[in-house]
Amino acid sequence: VASIAVGGVTNYADFVKGRFTISRDNAKN
């Protein structure tokens, strides 16, 4: 569906682009 790199770069499948957002909080794992 989506991926996120350690630096925050994101990629999305076409079927969710504009609707879904992936994020990460390394401090909270």
PDB file of all heavy atoms in Angstrom:
ATOM      1  N   VAL A   1       0.838  -1.198   0.000  1.00  0.00           N
ATOM      2  CA  VAL A   1       0.000   0.000   0.000  1.00  0.00           C
ATOM      3  C   VAL A   1       0.874   1.250   0.000  1.00  0.00           C
ATOM      4  O   VAL A   1       0.669   2.173  -0.788  1.00  0.00           O
ATOM      5  CB  VAL A   1      -0.928   0.017   1.222  1.00  0.00           C
ATOM      6  CG1 VAL A   1      -1.703   1.328   1.287  1.00  0.00           C
ATOM      7  CG2 VAL A   1      -1.882  -1.177   1.189  1.00  0.00           C
ATOM      8  N   ALA A   2       1.856   1.286   0.894  1.00  0.00           N
ATOM      9  CA  ALA A   2       2.715   2.462   1.019  1.00  0.00           C
ATOM     10  C   ALA A   2       3.988   2.067   1.751  1.00  0.00           C
ATOM     11  O   ALA A   2       3.998   1.106   2.522  1.00  0.00           O
ATOM     12  CB  ALA A   2       1.999   3.577   1.776  1.00  0.00           C
ATOM     13  N   SER A   3       5.037   2.839   1.532  1.00  0.00           N
ATOM     14  CA  SER A   3       6.291   2.615   2.246  1.00  0.00           C
ATOM     15  C   SER A   3       6.868   3.948   2.672  1.00  0.00           C
ATOM     16  O   SER A   3       6.553   4.996   2.086  1.00  0.00           O
ATOM     17  CB  SER A   3       7.287   1.856   1.367  1.00  0.00           C
ATOM     18  OG  SER A   3       7.676   2.650   0.266  1.00  0.00           O
ATOM     19  N   ILE A   4       7.724   3.879   3.691  1.00  0.00           N
ATOM     20  CA  ILE A   4       8.375   5.089   4.183  1.00  0.00           C
ATOM     21  C   ILE A   4       9.801   4.751   4.586  1.00  0.00           C
ATOM     22  O   ILE A   4      10.042   3.795   5.319  1.00  0.00           O
ATOM     23  CB  ILE A   4       7.586   5.719   5.362  1.00  0.00           C
ATOM     24  CG1 ILE A   4       8.249   7.030   5.790  1.00  0.00           C
ATOM     25  CG2 ILE A   4       7.433   4.747   6.529  1.00  0.00           C
ATOM     26  CD1 ILE A   4       7.363   7.866   6.707  1.00  0.00           C
ATOM     27  N   ALA A   5      10.736   5.537   4.104  1.00  0.00           N
ATOM     28  CA  ALA A   5      12.145   5.339   4.430  1.00  0.00           C
ATOM     29  C   ALA A   5      12.482   6.024   5.745  1.00  0.00           C
ATOM     30  O   ALA A   5      11.715   6.852   6.246  1.00  0.00           O
ATOM     31  CB  ALA A   5      13.006   5.887   3.296  1.00  0.00           C
ATOM     32  N   VAL A   6      13.646   5.710   6.275  1.00  0.00           N
ATOM     33  CA  VAL A   6      14.041   6.271   7.572  1.00  0.00           C
ATOM     34  C   VAL A   6      14.116   7.788   7.499  1.00  0.00           C
ATOM     35  O   VAL A   6      13.855   8.479   8.493  1.00  0.00           O
ATOM     36  CB  VAL A   6      15.369   5.658   8.044  1.00  0.00           C
ATOM     37  CG1 VAL A   6      16.513   6.082   7.129  1.00  0.00           C
ATOM     38  CG2 VAL A   6      15.647   6.000   9.483  1.00  0.00           C
ATOM     39  N   GLY A   7      14.422   8.331   6.350  1.00  0.00           N
ATOM     40  CA  GLY A   7      14.500   9.779   6.183  1.00  0.00           C
ATOM     41  C   GLY A   7      13.164  10.436   5.907  1.00  0.00           C
ATOM     42  O   GLY A   7      13.090  11.669   5.781  1.00  0.00           O
ATOM     43  N   GLY A   8      12.117   9.624   5.779  1.00  0.00           N
ATOM     44  CA  GLY A   8      10.780  10.163   5.577  1.00  0.00           C
ATOM     45  C   GLY A   8      10.276  10.140   4.155  1.00  0.00           C
ATOM     46  O   GLY A   8       9.144  10.554   3.899  1.00  0.00           O
ATOM     47  N   VAL A   9      11.080   9.660   3.228  1.00  0.00           N
ATOM     48  CA  VAL A   9      10.630   9.585   1.839  1.00  0.00           C
ATOM     49  C   VAL A   9       9.547   8.524   1.735  1.00  0.00           C
ATOM     50  O   VAL A   9       9.706   7.399   2.213  1.00  0.00           O
ATOM     51  CB  VAL A   9      11.803   9.254   0.900  1.00  0.00           C
ATOM     52  CG1 VAL A   9      11.300   9.073  -0.531  1.00  0.00           C
ATOM     53  CG2 VAL A   9      12.848  10.356   0.957  1.00  0.00           C
ATOM     54  N   THR A  10       8.441   8.884   1.095  1.00  0.00           N
ATOM     55  CA  THR A  10       7.293   7.986   1.019  1.00  0.00           C
ATOM     56  C   THR A  10       6.986   7.595  -0.420  1.00  0.00           C
ATOM     57  O   THR A  10       7.294   8.334  -1.356  1.00  0.00           O
ATOM     58  CB  THR A  10       6.042   8.641   1.620  1.00  0.00           C
ATOM     59  OG1 THR A  10       5.779   9.870   0.933  1.00  0.00           O
ATOM     60  CG2 THR A  10       6.239   8.922   3.112  1.00  0.00           C
ATOM     61  N   ASN A  11       6.379   6.432  -0.548  1.00  0.00           N
ATOM     62  CA  ASN A  11       5.880   5.965  -1.832  1.00  0.00           C
ATOM     63  C   ASN A  11       4.522   5.315  -1.625  1.00  0.00           C
ATOM     64  O   ASN A  11       4.295   4.677  -0.593  1.00  0.00           O
ATOM     65  CB  ASN A  11       6.842   4.967  -2.471  1.00  0.00           C
ATOM     66  CG  ASN A  11       8.021   5.665  -3.117  1.00  0.00           C
ATOM     67  OD1 ASN A  11       7.882   6.338  -4.130  1.00  0.00           O
ATOM     68  ND2 ASN A  11       9.184   5.514  -2.521  1.00  0.00           N
ATOM     69  N   TYR A  12       3.632   5.479  -2.610  1.00  0.00           N
ATOM     70  CA  TYR A  12       2.274   4.976  -2.484  1.00  0.00           C
ATOM     71  C   TYR A  12       1.875   4.197  -3.734  1.00  0.00           C
ATOM     72  O   TYR A  12       2.271   4.536  -4.848  1.00  0.00           O
ATOM     73  CB  TYR A  12       1.287   6.128  -2.297  1.00  0.00           C
ATOM     74  CG  TYR A  12       1.510   6.924  -1.045  1.00  0.00           C
ATOM     75  CD1 TYR A  12       2.328   8.044  -1.031  1.00  0.00           C
ATOM     76  CD2 TYR A  12       0.908   6.529   0.155  1.00  0.00           C
ATOM     77  CE1 TYR A  12       2.553   8.760   0.130  1.00  0.00           C
ATOM     78  CE2 TYR A  12       1.127   7.246   1.317  1.00  0.00           C
ATOM     79  CZ  TYR A  12       1.940   8.357   1.298  1.00  0.00           C
ATOM     80  OH  TYR A  12       2.149   9.057   2.462  1.00  0.00           O
ATOM     81  N   ALA A  13       1.071   3.172  -3.505  1.00  0.00           N
ATOM     82  CA  ALA A  13       0.452   2.502  -4.640  1.00  0.00           C
ATOM     83  C   ALA A  13      -0.519   3.479  -5.297  1.00  0.00           C
ATOM     84  O   ALA A  13      -1.115   4.328  -4.634  1.00  0.00           O
ATOM     85  CB  ALA A  13      -0.288   1.259  -4.172  1.00  0.00           C
ATOM     86  N   ASP A  14      -0.683   3.337  -6.605  1.00  0.00           N
ATOM     87  CA  ASP A  14      -1.549   4.266  -7.333  1.00  0.00           C
ATOM     88  C   ASP A  14      -2.966   4.299  -6.774  1.00  0.00           C
ATOM     89  O   ASP A  14      -3.619   5.341  -6.755  1.00  0.00           O
ATOM     90  CB  ASP A  14      -1.587   3.890  -8.819  1.00  0.00           C
ATOM     91  CG  ASP A  14      -0.296   4.245  -9.540  1.00  0.00           C
ATOM     92  OD1 ASP A  14       0.490   5.048  -8.987  1.00  0.00           O
ATOM     93  OD2 ASP A  14      -0.065   3.711 -10.642  1.00  0.00           O
ATOM     94  N   PHE A  15      -3.438   3.149  -6.286  1.00  0.00           N
ATOM     95  CA  PHE A  15      -4.828   3.078  -5.854  1.00  0.00           C
ATOM     96  C   PHE A  15      -5.095   3.790  -4.528  1.00  0.00           C
ATOM     97  O   PHE A  15      -6.234   3.890  -4.094  1.00  0.00           O
ATOM     98  CB  PHE A  15      -5.317   1.621  -5.795  1.00  0.00           C
ATOM     99  CG  PHE A  15      -4.434   0.685  -5.024  1.00  0.00           C
ATOM    100  CD1 PHE A  15      -4.480   0.659  -3.639  1.00  0.00           C
ATOM    101  CD2 PHE A  15      -3.573  -0.169  -5.678  1.00  0.00           C
ATOM    102  CE1 PHE A  15      -3.677  -0.204  -2.917  1.00  0.00           C
ATOM    103  CE2 PHE A  15      -2.759  -1.044  -4.966  1.00  0.00           C
ATOM    104  CZ  PHE A  15      -2.807  -1.059  -3.578  1.00  0.00           C
ATOM    105  N   VAL A  16      -4.046   4.299  -3.850  1.00  0.00           N
ATOM    106  CA  VAL A  16      -4.270   5.038  -2.605  1.00  0.00           C
ATOM    107  C   VAL A  16      -3.700   6.443  -2.640  1.00  0.00           C
ATOM    108  O   VAL A  16      -3.867   7.203  -1.695  1.00  0.00           O
ATOM    109  CB  VAL A  16      -3.693   4.299  -1.372  1.00  0.00           C
ATOM    110  CG1 VAL A  16      -4.315   2.918  -1.251  1.00  0.00           C
ATOM    111  CG2 VAL A  16      -2.177   4.247  -1.410  1.00  0.00           C
ATOM    112  N   LYS A  17      -3.037   6.796  -3.722  1.00  0.00           N
ATOM    113  CA  LYS A  17      -2.423   8.118  -3.807  1.00  0.00           C
ATOM    114  C   LYS A  17      -3.468   9.213  -3.614  1.00  0.00           C
ATOM    115  O   LYS A  17      -4.543   9.162  -4.201  1.00  0.00           O
ATOM    116  CB  LYS A  17      -1.732   8.287  -5.156  1.00  0.00           C
ATOM    117  CG  LYS A  17      -0.359   7.658  -5.226  1.00  0.00           C
ATOM    118  CD  LYS A  17       0.308   7.916  -6.570  1.00  0.00           C
ATOM    119  CE  LYS A  17       1.684   7.273  -6.610  1.00  0.00           C
ATOM    120  NZ  LYS A  17       2.336   7.431  -7.935  1.00  0.00           N
ATOM    121  N   GLY A  18      -3.128  10.171  -2.776  1.00  0.00           N
ATOM    122  CA  GLY A  18      -4.038  11.266  -2.498  1.00  0.00           C
ATOM    123  C   GLY A  18      -5.053  10.982  -1.415  1.00  0.00           C
ATOM    124  O   GLY A  18      -5.770  11.883  -0.973  1.00  0.00           O
ATOM    125  N   ARG A  19      -5.143   9.728  -0.984  1.00  0.00           N
ATOM    126  CA  ARG A  19      -6.117   9.352   0.053  1.00  0.00           C
ATOM    127  C   ARG A  19      -5.448   8.865   1.335  1.00  0.00           C
ATOM    128  O   ARG A  19      -5.957   9.103   2.428  1.00  0.00           O
ATOM    129  CB  ARG A  19      -7.050   8.261  -0.472  1.00  0.00           C
ATOM    130  CG  ARG A  19      -7.832   8.643  -1.699  1.00  0.00           C
ATOM    131  CD  ARG A  19      -8.879   7.578  -2.044  1.00  0.00           C
ATOM    132  NE  ARG A  19      -8.281   6.280  -2.355  1.00  0.00           N
ATOM    133  CZ  ARG A  19      -8.616   5.149  -1.743  1.00  0.00           C
ATOM    134  NH1 ARG A  19      -9.507   5.150  -0.766  1.00  0.00           N
ATOM    135  NH2 ARG A  19      -8.057   4.014  -2.113  1.00  0.00           N
ATOM    136  N   PHE A  20      -4.342   8.163   1.216  1.00  0.00           N
ATOM    137  CA  PHE A  20      -3.649   7.582   2.367  1.00  0.00           C
ATOM    138  C   PHE A  20      -2.342   8.324   2.608  1.00  0.00           C
ATOM    139  O   PHE A  20      -1.696   8.794   1.668  1.00  0.00           O
ATOM    140  CB  PHE A  20      -3.320   6.106   2.117  1.00  0.00           C
ATOM    141  CG  PHE A  20      -4.512   5.186   2.086  1.00  0.00           C
ATOM    142  CD1 PHE A  20      -5.813   5.658   2.052  1.00  0.00           C
ATOM    143  CD2 PHE A  20      -4.317   3.802   2.083  1.00  0.00           C
ATOM    144  CE1 PHE A  20      -6.899   4.795   2.012  1.00  0.00           C
ATOM    145  CE2 PHE A  20      -5.391   2.931   2.054  1.00  0.00           C
ATOM    146  CZ  PHE A  20      -6.673   3.429   2.008  1.00  0.00           C
ATOM    147  N   THR A  21      -1.942   8.376   3.882  1.00  0.00           N
ATOM    148  CA  THR A  21      -0.665   8.982   4.265  1.00  0.00           C
ATOM    149  C   THR A  21       0.047   8.072   5.253  1.00  0.00           C
ATOM    150  O   THR A  21      -0.518   7.726   6.298  1.00  0.00           O
ATOM    151  CB  THR A  21      -0.875  10.358   4.897  1.00  0.00           C
ATOM    152  OG1 THR A  21      -1.578  11.212   3.979  1.00  0.00           O
ATOM    153  CG2 THR A  21       0.472  11.002   5.232  1.00  0.00           C
ATOM    154  N   ILE A  22       1.272   7.708   4.923  1.00  0.00           N
ATOM    155  CA  ILE A  22       2.091   6.893   5.822  1.00  0.00           C
ATOM    156  C   ILE A  22       3.048   7.804   6.568  1.00  0.00           C
ATOM    157  O   ILE A  22       3.552   8.788   6.018  1.00  0.00           O
ATOM    158  CB  ILE A  22       2.855   5.793   5.047  1.00  0.00           C
ATOM    159  CG1 ILE A  22       3.547   4.834   5.999  1.00  0.00           C
ATOM    160  CG2 ILE A  22       3.833   6.405   4.052  1.00  0.00           C
ATOM    161  CD1 ILE A  22       4.169   3.615   5.297  1.00  0.00           C
ATOM    162  N   SER A  23       3.282   7.505   7.838  1.00  0.00           N
ATOM    163  CA  SER A  23       4.229   8.285   8.633  1.00  0.00           C
ATOM    164  C   SER A  23       4.882   7.358   9.652  1.00  0.00           C
ATOM    165  O   SER A  23       4.402   6.256   9.889  1.00  0.00           O
ATOM    166  CB  SER A  23       3.526   9.457   9.325  1.00  0.00           C
ATOM    167  OG  SER A  23       2.519   8.993  10.214  1.00  0.00           O
ATOM    168  N   ARG A  24       5.960   7.820  10.234  1.00  0.00           N
ATOM    169  CA  ARG A  24       6.652   7.026  11.235  1.00  0.00           C
ATOM    170  C   ARG A  24       7.131   7.927  12.352  1.00  0.00           C
ATOM    171  O   ARG A  24       7.527   9.071  12.118  1.00  0.00           O
ATOM    172  CB  ARG A  24       7.803   6.227  10.626  1.00  0.00           C
ATOM    173  CG  ARG A  24       8.941   7.065  10.063  1.00  0.00           C
ATOM    174  CD  ARG A  24       9.899   6.222   9.227  1.00  0.00           C
ATOM    175  NE  ARG A  24      10.711   5.315  10.038  1.00  0.00           N
ATOM    176  CZ  ARG A  24      11.457   4.330   9.539  1.00  0.00           C
ATOM    177  NH1 ARG A  24      11.466   4.118   8.227  1.00  0.00           N
ATOM    178  NH2 ARG A  24      12.180   3.561  10.322  1.00  0.00           N
ATOM    179  N   ASP A  25       7.104   7.389  13.568  1.00  0.00           N
ATOM    180  CA  ASP A  25       7.628   8.077  14.744  1.00  0.00           C
ATOM    181  C   ASP A  25       8.683   7.154  15.338  1.00  0.00           C
ATOM    182  O   ASP A  25       8.349   6.226  16.088  1.00  0.00           O
ATOM    183  CB  ASP A  25       6.500   8.365  15.729  1.00  0.00           C
ATOM    184  CG  ASP A  25       6.967   9.218  16.910  1.00  0.00           C
ATOM    185  OD1 ASP A  25       8.177   9.187  17.230  1.00  0.00           O
ATOM    186  OD2 ASP A  25       6.123   9.902  17.510  1.00  0.00           O
ATOM    187  N   ASN A  26       9.937   7.390  15.007  1.00  0.00           N
ATOM    188  CA  ASN A  26      10.999   6.499  15.465  1.00  0.00           C
ATOM    189  C   ASN A  26      11.138   6.525  16.989  1.00  0.00           C
ATOM    190  O   ASN A  26      11.526   5.521  17.601  1.00  0.00           O
ATOM    191  CB  ASN A  26      12.319   6.878  14.807  1.00  0.00           C
ATOM    192  CG  ASN A  26      12.343   6.548  13.326  1.00  0.00           C
ATOM    193  OD1 ASN A  26      11.581   5.708  12.848  1.00  0.00           O
ATOM    194  ND2 ASN A  26      13.208   7.217  12.588  1.00  0.00           N
ATOM    195  N   ALA A  27      10.829   7.628  17.609  1.00  0.00           N
ATOM    196  CA  ALA A  27      10.924   7.718  19.068  1.00  0.00           C
ATOM    197  C   ALA A  27       9.913   6.801  19.746  1.00  0.00           C
ATOM    198  O   ALA A  27      10.149   6.294  20.840  1.00  0.00           O
ATOM    199  CB  ALA A  27      10.715   9.158  19.514  1.00  0.00           C
ATOM    200  N   LYS A  28       8.755   6.607  19.078  1.00  0.00           N
ATOM    201  CA  LYS A  28       7.710   5.725  19.631  1.00  0.00           C
ATOM    202  C   LYS A  28       7.740   4.351  18.991  1.00  0.00           C
ATOM    203  O   LYS A  28       6.886   3.509  19.299  1.00  0.00           O
ATOM    204  CB  LYS A  28       6.339   6.369  19.430  1.00  0.00           C
ATOM    205  CG  LYS A  28       6.142   7.667  20.208  1.00  0.00           C
ATOM    206  CD  LYS A  28       4.737   8.197  20.011  1.00  0.00           C
ATOM    207  CE  LYS A  28       4.519   9.468  20.826  1.00  0.00           C
ATOM    208  NZ  LYS A  28       3.164  10.024  20.646  1.00  0.00           N
ATOM    209  N   ASN A  29       8.678   4.128  18.078  1.00  0.00           N
ATOM    210  CA  ASN A  29       8.769   2.841  17.381  1.00  0.00           C
ATOM    211  C   ASN A  29       7.433   2.456  16.751  1.00  0.00           C
ATOM    212  O   ASN A  29       6.974   1.305  16.852  1.00  0.00           O
ATOM    213  CB  ASN A  29       9.236   1.736  18.333  1.00  0.00           C
ATOM    214  CG  ASN A  29      10.626   1.991  18.859  1.00  0.00           C
ATOM    215  OD1 ASN A  29      11.503   2.457  18.138  1.00  0.00           O
ATOM    216  ND2 ASN A  29      10.836   1.713  20.131  1.00  0.00           N
TER     217      ASN A  29
END
